[in-house]
Amino acid sequence: MAKEPLSEAIQHYLRAIYNLGQEQDRVSVTALAKAQSVSPASASAMVKKLAALDLAEHAPYRGISLTPAGEQVALEVIRHHRLLELYLAETLGLDVEAVHEEADRLEHAISEELEERIDRALGYPTHDPHGDPNPDKNLEWPATS
């Protein structure tokens, strides 16, 4: 039986937890709520949902962390987003300041085949138009020099 696709909200939360986890040791519900512009109660409810889906773990006073499955989804969303930003800027000529919102809307809708075609068309880029690194097709970050 095929799994249902994850909602945009779930994908956004996973990406936020991943990003916050890169900036601080523990990701608190309060920090997550602030990053998502929601109430702590809403963030807490989503964290419980993510835990029920085995995408995140939450231990009181120890913070929120992603499971390997949750991290994979977060990295995939980041990859889609950054590839789309670059495609929109370089291929379609959108202003770099405008690509974020467009990519935010589109990142959930592209197939793996379209992702691969965009990646190939752009020459397998390692960074988005803002200079942020982009995970490759194996969801690994580019080597830093």
Protein backbone atom coordinates (compact mmCIF):
# COMPACT_ATOMS: atom_id res chain seq x y z
CA MET A 1 0.00 0.00 0.00
CA ALA A 2 1.44 3.37 -1.04
CA LYS A 3 1.96 6.06 1.57
CA GLU A 4 0.03 9.28 1.20
CA PRO A 5 2.19 12.27 0.27
CA LEU A 6 3.15 14.48 3.18
CA SER A 7 1.31 17.78 3.43
CA GLU A 8 3.04 21.05 2.63
CA ALA A 9 2.78 22.00 6.31
CA ILE A 10 4.57 18.84 7.39
CA GLN A 11 7.29 19.43 4.82
CA HIS A 12 7.71 23.04 5.98
CA TYR A 13 8.02 21.97 9.62
CA LEU A 14 10.58 19.30 8.78
CA ARG A 15 12.65 21.82 6.83
CA ALA A 16 12.40 24.31 9.71
CA ILE A 17 13.50 21.72 12.28
CA TYR A 18 16.42 20.73 10.07
CA ASN A 19 17.51 24.36 9.57
CA LEU A 20 17.12 25.24 13.25
CA GLY A 21 19.09 22.12 14.18
CA GLN A 22 22.01 23.41 12.11
CA GLU A 23 21.99 26.66 14.10
CA GLN A 24 21.50 25.42 17.66
CA ASP A 25 22.06 22.28 19.70
CA ARG A 26 18.45 21.84 20.74
CA VAL A 27 15.41 22.81 18.72
CA SER A 28 12.74 23.95 21.13
CA VAL A 29 9.03 24.10 20.42
CA THR A 30 9.24 27.84 21.07
CA ALA A 31 11.98 28.33 18.45
CA LEU A 32 10.07 26.18 15.98
CA ALA A 33 6.85 28.15 16.58
CA LYS A 34 8.71 31.41 15.99
CA ALA A 35 10.31 30.09 12.78
CA GLN A 36 6.92 28.96 11.49
CA SER A 37 5.07 32.08 12.69
CA VAL A 38 2.58 30.02 14.69
CA SER A 39 1.66 29.66 18.34
CA PRO A 40 3.66 27.29 20.54
CA ALA A 41 0.49 25.20 20.91
CA SER A 42 0.24 24.79 17.12
CA ALA A 43 3.91 23.89 16.86
CA SER A 44 3.57 21.40 19.69
CA ALA A 45 0.61 19.74 18.00
CA MET A 46 2.58 19.41 14.77
CA VAL A 47 5.59 17.97 16.61
CA LYS A 48 3.30 15.30 18.08
CA LYS A 49 2.04 14.53 14.58
CA LEU A 50 5.59 14.32 13.23
CA ALA A 51 6.52 11.97 16.06
CA ALA A 52 3.49 9.79 15.31
CA LEU A 53 4.68 9.60 11.70
CA ASP A 54 8.20 8.64 12.89
CA LEU A 55 9.63 11.77 11.28
CA ALA A 56 10.73 13.51 14.50
CA GLU A 57 11.40 12.85 18.15
CA HIS A 58 10.68 15.17 21.02
CA ALA A 59 11.89 14.83 24.57
CA PRO A 60 10.86 17.53 27.04
CA TYR A 61 13.81 19.80 27.88
CA ARG A 62 15.96 17.98 25.30
CA GLY A 63 14.35 19.41 22.20
CA ILE A 64 13.11 18.18 18.85
CA SER A 65 15.23 16.15 16.48
CA LEU A 66 14.50 14.56 13.13
CA THR A 67 14.57 10.84 12.58
CA PRO A 68 16.55 9.64 9.56
CA ALA A 69 13.28 9.54 7.59
CA GLY A 70 12.42 13.09 8.68
CA GLU A 71 15.88 14.32 7.75
CA GLN A 72 15.57 12.74 4.31
CA VAL A 73 12.28 14.54 3.67
CA ALA A 74 13.74 17.84 4.91
CA LEU A 75 16.77 17.52 2.64
CA GLU A 76 14.57 16.65 -0.33
CA VAL A 77 12.44 19.75 0.28
CA ILE A 78 15.57 21.90 0.61
CA ARG A 79 16.95 20.41 -2.63
CA HIS A 80 13.70 21.06 -4.53
CA HIS A 81 13.50 24.59 -3.18
CA ARG A 82 17.05 25.57 -4.04
CA LEU A 83 16.98 23.99 -7.50
CA LEU A 84 13.74 25.82 -8.24
CA GLU A 85 15.18 29.13 -7.02
CA LEU A 86 18.14 28.73 -9.35
CA TYR A 87 15.98 27.63 -12.27
CA LEU A 88 13.60 30.55 -11.81
CA ALA A 89 16.47 33.03 -11.59
CA GLU A 90 18.78 31.70 -14.30
CA THR A 91 16.40 30.18 -16.82
CA LEU A 92 13.27 32.27 -16.43
CA GLY A 93 14.99 35.50 -15.43
CA LEU A 94 13.08 36.16 -12.21
CA ASP A 95 14.74 38.58 -9.84
CA VAL A 96 16.71 36.75 -7.15
CA GLU A 97 14.65 38.54 -4.50
CA ALA A 98 11.42 37.11 -5.97
CA VAL A 99 12.41 33.46 -6.38
CA HIS A 100 12.01 32.37 -2.76
CA GLU A 101 8.24 32.73 -2.59
CA GLU A 102 7.73 31.07 -5.98
CA ALA A 103 10.02 28.18 -5.04
CA ASP A 104 8.18 27.85 -1.73
CA ARG A 105 4.94 27.24 -3.62
CA LEU A 106 6.41 24.88 -6.23
CA GLU A 107 8.78 22.78 -4.12
CA HIS A 108 6.03 20.40 -3.03
CA ALA A 109 4.68 19.76 -6.49
CA ILE A 110 7.66 18.72 -8.59
CA SER A 111 8.31 15.07 -9.38
CA GLU A 112 11.64 13.36 -9.03
CA GLU A 113 11.86 13.25 -12.84
CA LEU A 114 11.38 17.02 -13.11
CA GLU A 115 13.88 17.55 -10.30
CA GLU A 116 16.45 15.51 -12.26
CA ARG A 117 15.75 17.42 -15.49
CA ILE A 118 16.12 20.79 -13.76
CA ASP A 119 19.33 19.62 -12.10
CA ARG A 120 20.75 18.46 -15.45
CA ALA A 121 19.61 21.61 -17.30
CA LEU A 122 21.41 23.76 -14.72
CA GLY A 123 24.60 21.68 -14.94
CA TYR A 124 24.23 19.98 -11.53
CA PRO A 125 24.66 23.14 -9.45
CA THR A 126 26.07 22.99 -5.95
CA HIS A 127 24.58 26.31 -4.76
CA ASP A 128 21.36 28.29 -5.13
CA PRO A 129 21.23 31.89 -6.43
CA HIS A 130 21.73 33.21 -2.88
CA GLY A 131 24.98 31.22 -2.52
CA ASP A 132 23.52 28.61 -0.18
CA PRO A 133 24.68 25.03 -0.75
CA ASN A 134 22.32 22.60 -2.43
CA PRO A 135 22.20 18.88 -1.60
CA ASP A 136 22.93 16.63 -4.59
CA LYS A 137 20.67 13.85 -5.87
CA ASN A 138 21.96 11.60 -3.05
CA LEU A 139 20.97 14.32 -0.57
CA GLU A 140 24.57 14.98 0.32
CA TRP A 141 25.95 18.48 0.77
CA PRO A 142 28.66 19.73 -1.59
CA ALA A 143 32.21 19.49 -0.33
CA THR A 144 33.45 22.65 1.30
CA SER A 145 36.82 23.98 0.28
